[in-house]
Amino acid sequence: MKQTLETNRIITGSLFIIATIAVSFILNFAQPFLVPLVLALLIRILIDPIIDYQIDFLHVHRIVAVFVSLCLIIFLFIIIVPFIGSSVITFLQSADDYNNKVLILIDLGISKLKEFNIEIDRETIRNSLNDLPLLDWASTVLSNSANFISKFVLVVIMTLFLLLGKKSLNTSPVWNDIIGHVKKYIFTKFITSSITGVAAGLIYWFLGLELAFIFGSLTFILNFIPVVGSIIAVLLPIPIAILQYPDLSSVLLIIFLPAIIHQIIGNVVEPKIFGDAFGLHPITIILSLIFWGMIWGIIGVLLAAPLTAIIRVSFERFDSTRQIARLLEGKVHLQD
C-alpha cells in the first residue's frame, strides 16, 4: 500500500513538472496576447468595486457605470501625463549642468585616486562620456514608448469588453471565495502602492528633487515587486540627488525618508490588512520574479507577486493542490 502511494506521488510530481514546462512554453509563445489580457483582467478587478458601488448605491445602469469608471481612469492619466512630461523637460533643460557636475565629480575622484598612486587618464573618461550613444538611446526610448501606447490601447479595448460582459450569478461558493480574495489583494495592493508612491513623490517634491513626479510614479510601480522593488525605488533617485545637492544632508533625506515610508507600509500596514491569506515565502518570491521575468520580461517581473499570490489562493481552495499552495507559502510541513 505504501509503495503504491509513493508511486502515485512520484507520478503526480512528474506530471506536474511536465505540465509546468508545457504551460511555460505556452505562456511565452502567447505573450503578445496574454500580457494585455492579464493586465485587462487585473484592471477589471480593480475597477469592479467602483462599478458595483454605482450600481448598488446610485442605481445606475451597468453600461453607464462602466463608462463613468473608464472616464475616471482616462481623466487620471490626463492629469498624470503632463506632470511627467514637464519633469522630463525640466531635466533635459538641466542636462548640461548635470554633465558639468559629473565631470567635476570625476575630477575629484581622479585627484583622490592620485593620492594612492593610481593614475587615470581624465581625457579618456571625458571622451567616453561624449561618445555615449544618446541619440540611439533616445530613439530606443521613443520606439518603446510607441509600443507601450499601442499595447495600452489594446488593454483598454480588452478591459472595455470584459467590463461590459454580464456577470454570472450561478457561481460556486469556492469560486466566489477565490474571486473575493483576489479582488481584496489587487485593490488593497493598488491603494497601498498609491499611498507609497504619492508619499515618496511629495517628499521628493518638498525637498526640491528634479524628476520628483517620475520617481514617485516609479515608486508606485515598483511597489508591486516585493522586497526588491522597494530597494530599487529608494536607490533610483540617489544619482540625481548627488548631482543636484551640494550638501550630504539633503541626499540622506532623499534616501531615508522614503525608506521609512516603505518600511511602515510594507512591514506594518500591508501585513495587518492581508494577514496570512496571501503569504508567500521569500524564496517563492525570488523564484517567481525569475520565472515570470524569463517568460514575460519586465512586465512579468511587475506581475510576478500578484499572479503567484492568486495562484496560491486558488490552489489553497482545493484538496488536490493544497500542498502546492503550502509549498509556495513555505508551510508544507504543516498538517491539516
Protein backbone atom coordinates (compact mmCIF):
# COMPACT_ATOMS: atom_id res chain seq x y z
CA MET A 1 0.00 0.00 0.00
CA LYS A 2 2.81 2.39 0.93
CA GLN A 3 4.68 1.56 -2.27
CA THR A 4 1.59 2.28 -4.35
CA LEU A 5 1.06 5.60 -2.57
CA GLU A 6 4.70 6.56 -3.10
CA THR A 7 4.48 5.61 -6.79
CA ASN A 8 1.37 7.76 -7.21
CA ARG A 9 3.14 10.71 -5.61
CA ILE A 10 6.11 10.32 -7.94
CA ILE A 11 3.83 10.10 -10.98
CA THR A 12 1.84 13.14 -9.80
CA GLY A 13 5.02 15.15 -9.21
CA SER A 14 6.42 14.18 -12.62
CA LEU A 15 3.20 15.13 -14.38
CA PHE A 16 3.14 18.45 -12.52
CA ILE A 17 6.70 19.25 -13.65
CA ILE A 18 5.89 18.33 -17.27
CA ALA A 19 2.69 20.39 -17.14
CA THR A 20 4.60 23.37 -15.69
CA ILE A 21 7.16 23.24 -18.50
CA ALA A 22 4.42 22.96 -21.14
CA VAL A 23 2.47 25.87 -19.64
CA SER A 24 5.66 27.96 -19.51
CA PHE A 25 6.24 27.45 -23.23
CA ILE A 26 2.62 28.35 -23.97
CA LEU A 27 2.78 31.48 -21.80
CA ASN A 28 5.98 32.60 -23.52
CA PHE A 29 4.68 31.87 -27.04
CA ALA A 30 1.36 33.66 -26.40
CA GLN A 31 2.97 36.67 -24.65
CA PRO A 32 1.76 39.32 -27.17
CA PHE A 33 -1.84 38.32 -26.47
CA LEU A 34 -1.72 37.11 -22.86
CA VAL A 35 0.09 40.10 -21.31
CA PRO A 36 -2.57 42.65 -22.42
CA LEU A 37 -5.29 40.16 -21.41
CA VAL A 38 -3.86 39.67 -17.92
CA LEU A 39 -3.44 43.44 -17.48
CA ALA A 40 -7.03 43.94 -18.64
CA LEU A 41 -8.26 41.31 -16.15
CA LEU A 42 -6.38 42.99 -13.29
CA ILE A 43 -7.75 46.41 -14.27
CA ARG A 44 -11.23 44.93 -14.44
CA ILE A 45 -10.83 43.52 -10.94
CA LEU A 46 -9.57 46.93 -9.79
CA ILE A 47 -12.49 48.81 -11.34
CA ASP A 48 -15.17 46.33 -10.22
CA PRO A 49 -15.70 47.91 -6.74
CA ILE A 50 -16.29 51.33 -8.35
CA ILE A 51 -18.81 49.86 -10.79
CA ASP A 52 -20.56 47.83 -8.08
CA TYR A 53 -20.87 50.95 -5.90
CA GLN A 54 -22.55 52.89 -8.71
CA ILE A 55 -24.94 50.02 -9.48
CA ASP A 56 -25.84 49.15 -5.88
CA PHE A 57 -25.99 52.60 -4.28
CA LEU A 58 -26.51 55.06 -7.13
CA HIS A 59 -28.82 52.67 -9.04
CA VAL A 60 -27.34 53.40 -12.47
CA HIS A 61 -27.22 51.00 -15.42
CA ARG A 62 -24.07 48.89 -15.76
CA ILE A 63 -23.11 50.44 -19.11
CA VAL A 64 -23.27 53.92 -17.57
CA ALA A 65 -21.23 52.75 -14.57
CA VAL A 66 -18.57 51.25 -16.87
CA PHE A 67 -18.43 54.43 -18.95
CA VAL A 68 -18.04 56.63 -15.84
CA SER A 69 -15.32 54.36 -14.41
CA LEU A 70 -13.32 54.38 -17.66
CA CYS A 71 -13.69 58.18 -17.86
CA LEU A 72 -12.25 58.44 -14.35
CA ILE A 73 -9.22 56.36 -15.35
CA ILE A 74 -8.66 58.34 -18.56
CA PHE A 75 -9.02 61.60 -16.61
CA LEU A 76 -6.42 60.35 -14.13
CA PHE A 77 -3.97 59.65 -16.96
CA ILE A 78 -4.69 63.07 -18.48
CA ILE A 79 -3.69 64.65 -15.16
CA ILE A 80 -0.57 62.49 -14.65
CA VAL A 81 0.98 62.65 -18.14
CA PRO A 82 1.57 66.47 -18.22
CA PHE A 83 3.39 66.29 -14.86
CA ILE A 84 5.66 63.53 -16.18
CA GLY A 85 6.27 65.49 -19.39
CA SER A 86 7.14 68.70 -17.53
CA SER A 87 9.52 66.77 -15.25
CA VAL A 88 11.34 65.28 -18.24
CA ILE A 89 11.56 68.69 -19.98
CA THR A 90 12.98 70.30 -16.83
CA PHE A 91 15.53 67.52 -16.52
CA LEU A 92 16.60 67.82 -20.18
CA GLN A 93 16.98 71.59 -19.82
CA SER A 94 19.40 70.95 -16.95
CA ALA A 95 21.34 68.24 -18.83
CA ASP A 96 24.39 70.48 -19.43
CA ASP A 97 24.56 71.38 -15.75
CA TYR A 98 24.45 67.71 -14.81
CA ASN A 99 27.16 66.94 -17.36
CA ASN A 100 29.43 69.59 -15.82
CA LYS A 101 28.74 68.25 -12.32
CA VAL A 102 29.61 64.73 -13.47
CA LEU A 103 32.92 65.98 -14.84
CA ILE A 104 33.62 67.80 -11.57
CA LEU A 105 32.91 64.61 -9.61
CA ILE A 106 35.20 62.68 -11.97
CA ASP A 107 38.00 65.21 -11.37
CA LEU A 108 37.54 64.87 -7.62
CA GLY A 109 37.62 61.09 -7.91
CA ILE A 110 40.77 61.16 -10.06
CA SER A 111 42.50 63.51 -7.61
CA LYS A 112 41.62 61.20 -4.72
CA LEU A 113 42.96 58.19 -6.62
CA LYS A 114 46.21 60.00 -7.35
CA GLU A 115 46.77 60.23 -3.59
CA PHE A 116 47.02 56.41 -3.68
CA ASN A 117 49.36 56.50 -6.72
CA ILE A 118 46.59 55.33 -9.09
CA GLU A 119 46.85 57.10 -12.44
CA ILE A 120 43.75 57.51 -14.63
CA ASP A 121 43.59 59.43 -17.91
CA ARG A 122 40.97 62.16 -17.44
CA GLU A 123 40.65 62.88 -21.17
CA THR A 124 39.82 59.25 -21.93
CA ILE A 125 36.91 59.39 -19.49
CA ARG A 126 35.70 62.72 -20.92
CA ASN A 127 35.81 61.34 -24.46
CA SER A 128 33.96 58.22 -23.37
CA LEU A 129 31.20 60.36 -21.87
CA ASN A 130 30.98 62.49 -25.00
CA ASP A 131 30.82 59.39 -27.22
CA LEU A 132 27.82 57.91 -25.42
CA PRO A 133 25.10 56.99 -27.99
CA LEU A 134 22.49 59.33 -26.55
CA LEU A 135 20.61 59.61 -29.86
CA ASP A 136 20.37 55.82 -30.12
CA TRP A 137 19.10 55.64 -26.57
CA ALA A 138 16.55 58.38 -27.27
CA SER A 139 15.29 56.58 -30.39
CA THR A 140 15.01 53.34 -28.41
CA VAL A 141 13.00 55.08 -25.72
CA LEU A 142 10.69 56.62 -28.33
CA SER A 143 10.13 53.29 -30.07
CA ASN A 144 9.40 51.60 -26.75
CA SER A 145 7.01 54.43 -25.88
CA ALA A 146 5.14 53.93 -29.16
CA ASN A 147 4.96 50.19 -28.46
CA PHE A 148 3.67 50.92 -24.96
CA ILE A 149 0.94 53.22 -26.30
CA SER A 150 -0.24 50.58 -28.80
CA LYS A 151 -0.37 47.94 -26.08
CA PHE A 152 -2.14 50.36 -23.75
CA VAL A 153 -4.87 50.91 -26.36
CA LEU A 154 -5.23 47.13 -26.70
CA VAL A 155 -5.50 46.78 -22.91
CA VAL A 156 -8.20 49.49 -22.77
CA ILE A 157 -10.22 47.76 -25.51
CA MET A 158 -9.95 44.37 -23.77
CA THR A 159 -10.89 45.95 -20.43
CA LEU A 160 -13.95 47.55 -22.01
CA PHE A 161 -15.20 44.23 -23.38
CA LEU A 162 -14.52 42.47 -20.07
CA LEU A 163 -16.42 45.13 -18.14
CA LEU A 164 -19.40 45.10 -20.49
CA GLY A 165 -19.80 41.34 -20.13
CA LYS A 166 -22.61 40.14 -17.87
CA LYS A 167 -21.72 38.65 -14.52
CA SER A 168 -22.65 35.03 -13.98
CA LEU A 169 -24.96 34.55 -10.99
CA ASN A 170 -24.65 30.76 -10.78
CA THR A 171 -21.07 30.57 -9.48
CA SER A 172 -19.90 28.14 -6.82
CA PRO A 173 -19.01 29.28 -3.28
CA VAL A 174 -15.38 28.22 -3.85
CA TRP A 175 -15.14 30.40 -6.97
CA ASN A 176 -16.75 33.35 -5.15
CA ASP A 177 -14.27 32.89 -2.29
CA ILE A 178 -11.29 32.90 -4.68
CA ILE A 179 -12.53 35.96 -6.58
CA GLY A 180 -13.25 37.76 -3.31
CA HIS A 181 -9.70 37.19 -2.05
CA VAL A 182 -8.18 38.18 -5.41
CA LYS A 183 -10.20 41.41 -5.52
CA LYS A 184 -9.12 42.21 -1.96
CA TYR A 185 -5.47 41.65 -2.82
CA ILE A 186 -5.45 43.64 -6.10
CA PHE A 187 -7.48 46.57 -4.76
CA THR A 188 -5.60 46.80 -1.45
CA LYS A 189 -2.19 46.47 -3.12
CA PHE A 190 -3.15 49.23 -5.54
CA ILE A 191 -4.17 51.51 -2.66
CA THR A 192 -1.02 50.84 -0.59
CA SER A 193 1.20 51.27 -3.67
CA SER A 194 -0.58 54.55 -4.50
CA ILE A 195 -0.07 55.84 -0.95
CA THR A 196 3.61 54.84 -1.07
CA GLY A 197 4.13 56.48 -4.47
CA VAL A 198 2.30 59.69 -3.52
CA ALA A 199 4.12 59.97 -0.17
CA ALA A 200 7.54 59.39 -1.80
CA GLY A 201 6.72 61.82 -4.62
CA LEU A 202 5.67 64.51 -2.14
CA ILE A 203 8.90 64.01 -0.17
CA TYR A 204 10.97 64.38 -3.34
CA TRP A 205 8.93 67.43 -4.39
CA PHE A 206 9.20 69.07 -0.96
CA LEU A 207 12.98 68.56 -0.97
CA GLY A 208 13.16 70.07 -4.46
CA LEU A 209 14.41 66.96 -6.26
CA GLU A 210 14.14 67.15 -10.04
CA LEU A 211 12.10 64.35 -11.66
CA ALA A 212 10.22 64.08 -8.36
CA PHE A 213 6.98 63.09 -10.06
CA ILE A 214 8.69 60.43 -12.19
CA PHE A 215 10.40 58.92 -9.15
CA GLY A 216 7.06 58.92 -7.31
CA SER A 217 5.42 57.13 -10.26
CA LEU A 218 8.26 54.58 -10.38
CA THR A 219 7.83 54.02 -6.63
CA PHE A 220 4.16 53.20 -7.22
CA ILE A 221 5.02 50.70 -9.97
CA LEU A 222 7.99 49.11 -8.19
CA ASN A 223 5.99 48.65 -5.00
CA PHE A 224 4.23 45.74 -6.73
CA ILE A 225 7.57 43.89 -6.65
CA PRO A 226 8.05 42.60 -3.07
CA VAL A 227 11.29 43.46 -1.24
CA VAL A 228 13.40 44.10 -4.36
CA GLY A 229 11.07 46.78 -5.73
CA SER A 230 11.24 48.92 -2.59
CA ILE A 231 15.04 48.77 -2.56
CA ILE A 232 15.26 49.81 -6.23
CA ALA A 233 12.73 52.62 -5.67
CA VAL A 234 14.82 54.03 -2.81
CA LEU A 235 18.11 53.77 -4.73
CA LEU A 236 16.93 55.24 -8.08
CA PRO A 237 16.93 58.97 -7.07
CA ILE A 238 20.40 58.83 -5.45
CA PRO A 239 22.47 59.71 -8.58
CA ILE A 240 20.24 62.72 -9.35
CA ALA A 241 20.35 63.80 -5.69
CA ILE A 242 24.15 63.58 -5.58
CA LEU A 243 24.43 65.71 -8.72
CA GLN A 244 21.78 68.22 -7.64
CA TYR A 245 22.51 68.87 -3.96
CA PRO A 246 25.80 70.36 -2.75
CA ASP A 247 25.31 69.06 0.82
CA LEU A 248 25.18 65.47 2.05
CA SER A 249 22.23 66.05 4.42
CA SER A 250 19.74 66.52 1.56
CA VAL A 251 20.96 63.33 -0.12
CA LEU A 252 20.50 61.41 3.13
CA LEU A 253 16.95 62.77 3.46
CA ILE A 254 16.21 61.62 -0.10
CA ILE A 255 17.32 58.13 0.93
CA PHE A 256 15.96 57.70 4.47
CA LEU A 257 12.55 59.43 4.38
CA PRO A 258 11.15 57.29 1.51
CA ALA A 259 12.79 54.22 3.07
CA ILE A 260 10.82 54.87 6.27
CA ILE A 261 7.59 55.12 4.23
CA HIS A 262 8.38 51.78 2.55
CA GLN A 263 9.09 50.14 5.90
CA ILE A 264 5.88 51.39 7.53
CA ILE A 265 3.58 50.44 4.66
CA GLY A 266 5.38 47.25 3.62
CA ASN A 267 6.10 45.79 7.07
CA VAL A 268 3.30 47.21 9.22
CA VAL A 269 0.26 48.26 7.17
CA GLU A 270 0.15 45.53 4.49
CA PRO A 271 0.69 42.56 6.88
CA LYS A 272 -2.19 43.81 9.04
CA ILE A 273 -4.51 44.11 6.04
CA PHE A 274 -3.52 40.92 4.21
CA GLY A 275 -2.70 38.71 7.18
CA ASP A 276 -1.60 35.23 6.08
CA ALA A 277 -4.12 34.98 3.24
CA PHE A 278 -1.57 35.98 0.59
CA GLY A 279 1.62 34.96 2.36
CA LEU A 280 4.47 33.89 0.08
CA HIS A 281 7.82 32.54 1.21
CA PRO A 282 10.78 34.83 0.32
CA ILE A 283 12.29 32.04 -1.80
CA THR A 284 8.94 31.73 -3.61
CA ILE A 285 9.00 35.47 -4.34
CA ILE A 286 12.53 35.34 -5.75
CA LEU A 287 11.77 32.27 -7.89
CA SER A 288 8.52 33.83 -9.13
CA LEU A 289 10.39 37.01 -10.15
CA ILE A 290 12.87 34.88 -12.11
CA PHE A 291 10.17 32.65 -13.63
CA TRP A 292 7.78 35.39 -14.76
CA GLY A 293 10.68 37.62 -15.79
CA MET A 294 12.03 34.90 -18.10
CA ILE A 295 8.58 34.40 -19.65
CA TRP A 296 7.20 37.95 -19.94
CA GLY A 297 10.19 40.22 -19.34
CA ILE A 298 9.83 43.35 -17.19
CA ILE A 299 6.02 43.10 -17.25
CA GLY A 300 6.38 39.59 -15.86
CA VAL A 301 8.56 40.88 -13.02
CA LEU A 302 5.94 43.50 -12.13
CA LEU A 303 3.12 40.94 -12.24
CA ALA A 304 5.07 38.11 -10.57
CA ALA A 305 3.88 38.68 -7.00
CA PRO A 306 0.18 39.30 -7.81
CA LEU A 307 0.00 36.31 -10.16
CA THR A 308 1.79 33.98 -7.74
CA ALA A 309 -0.40 35.15 -4.86
CA ILE A 310 -3.52 34.49 -6.96
CA ILE A 311 -2.22 31.02 -7.84
CA ARG A 312 -1.55 30.28 -4.16
CA VAL A 313 -5.03 31.40 -3.10
CA SER A 314 -6.63 29.31 -5.85
CA PHE A 315 -4.60 26.19 -5.00
CA GLU A 316 -5.43 26.57 -1.31
CA ARG A 317 -9.14 26.02 -2.02
CA PHE A 318 -8.72 22.50 -3.49
CA ASP A 319 -7.53 19.38 -1.68
CA SER A 320 -5.54 18.13 -4.68
CA THR A 321 -3.41 21.30 -4.89
CA ARG A 322 -3.35 22.41 -1.25
CA GLN A 323 0.16 21.04 -0.68
CA ILE A 324 1.44 23.12 -3.61
CA ALA A 325 -0.14 26.21 -2.05
CA ARG A 326 1.57 25.43 1.25
CA LEU A 327 4.86 24.91 -0.58
CA LEU A 328 4.53 28.39 -2.09
CA GLU A 329 3.79 29.74 1.37
CA GLY A 330 6.69 27.84 2.93
CA LYS A 331 4.42 25.82 5.25
CA VAL A 332 4.43 22.44 3.52
CA HIS A 333 5.40 20.81 6.80
CA LEU A 334 2.08 21.74 8.46
CA GLN A 335 -0.74 19.22 8.71
CA ASP A 336 -4.49 19.83 8.31
